[in-house]
């Protein structure tokens, strides 16, 4: 009997052993999967990055050719006809699109629209020097008539305001900007972070996220093997991929946010690509600026490959956003590189740099690369967004497109006059910025936002959908508290924009009561 029990016990053990081992292995794997990622210390000064030496064979872009071999055919395979035509015409002048003509005079001091000055810490980003104000000036030429927008919802205009707010909440865009710089050191993997944040955003009524895809200093937050690119820790974990998957489950769209045509790694690798001042020195207005000349054929070819690498790898993206594209922060110091001088001389024989022809000419280069970006996105079924400061005057009115063009190289009117214009313009309308600049004259407060949205809509004139960009940022007069945020968002809704975007997700978390107030402001009745 003892021998029989032992035999049966041995048979049972042989049957149970594989099952026991399987359970143990499954528990071990689950433990590893749930273990928090701790690859970065809290608030690093600069995240670990990886320099990419070779092109991934799957990225769809080839090695760059020398500058003297630029051709439309060479660019066609990367991002299509848009950038190819821009590169082919880099040496030819073109007529400027009609724009509003306004007299102007020098600004007293630069101010900041700041929505990207994020460093690697956990505090709100400080303001950076950017678009200043100019004194009011009458317009002598009205805006050029434009067709109605091809897409976008028609916003109802019922009275009183409450039904309007409900209609807007159903149709409008409710967006936040997300910069991963502020989320290191939380002990989470990229997947865990993405799922937690997306759930939180969905609960607040967010339906669109601007994901800061490539930090111009520290690199990519997505998987890339494009030559010259580097990756942050979250890039090696493919934070963008995790964010897209989590957002799709909650019905949230994701737009890749890029900060103009700036890229530290290529700026350092190619000194000949840099924007130049009159004396030949590099144009670098602050430590985190890396302006590349958009009229350089090599830069245009590189930009084509850079875009293709990002957009083709992530077809689930809703679009791409070019944030605060400028040739210059403010003034006429740049660009005087050899390419710009030679092309200007051919386009305007006998004209001197620095005059009216020059201001129009340098803006045309930026306009062309923005339009080419739109064509590249559209070819892949994505939207193109452009986010820009709408500079205010002391009396609360918005500065005309022509004045901003002459001072920064960004020409809103020319951009919107093209058939290849972007689908969305996001207007930075930040009352606390101007209140700080003009010394609290009583003009700027939450209620100013309604007027500003309506003025911005008149400037856009139906040629694109308008999103009102608001910030919780401190501009010297104090950051918005929850109540001020709610009043500002409610005022923006009354102006009837296509949507509202908030900078940024991190600041909303840090501001007590802001999340709830935001829900109540853009989702009347709360949730």
Foldseek 3Di string as FASTA:
>chain_A
DVVVVVVVVVVVCVVCVVVVVVVVVVVVVVVVVPQFDQPDAALDQAFDKAAFADADPPLQADDDDDLVPQALVNLCRQQHNQLRVLLVCLLAFDDFDDFWDWDWDDFDAFFFLDDAQDGLHQDDHAGDGFHADTADTDTPDDADADDFAPDFDDQDDDDDCPVSLQSLLVFFAAEFEDDCSNVPNPRHALLVVLLVVLVLCLQLSHAEYAYAAAQQPRFGLDAGNQHQTMYGPNRVSGSVVSNLVNSVVSNHAYAYEYAALHHVRVVVVCVLQFFAFPVGHGDDPDDRGGDGQLSRSSSSSSVSNVLSSVCVVCLRHQYYEHEAHFQDRWDQGIGPRPSLVSSLCNHPPPDDAPDPSNLSRSLVSSLSSLLSRLSSGVVSVHFYEYEHEQYAHPQLATDTQVNCSSTTSHRPSSLLVDPSHTQEYEYEDEQQSVCVVNVNPVNGALLSLLVHLLNVCVNSNNSHFYEYEYEQDHRPVHGDAQVRLLSNLLNNSNSPGSYYYYYHPSVCVVHPPNSQSSSCRSNPPGD
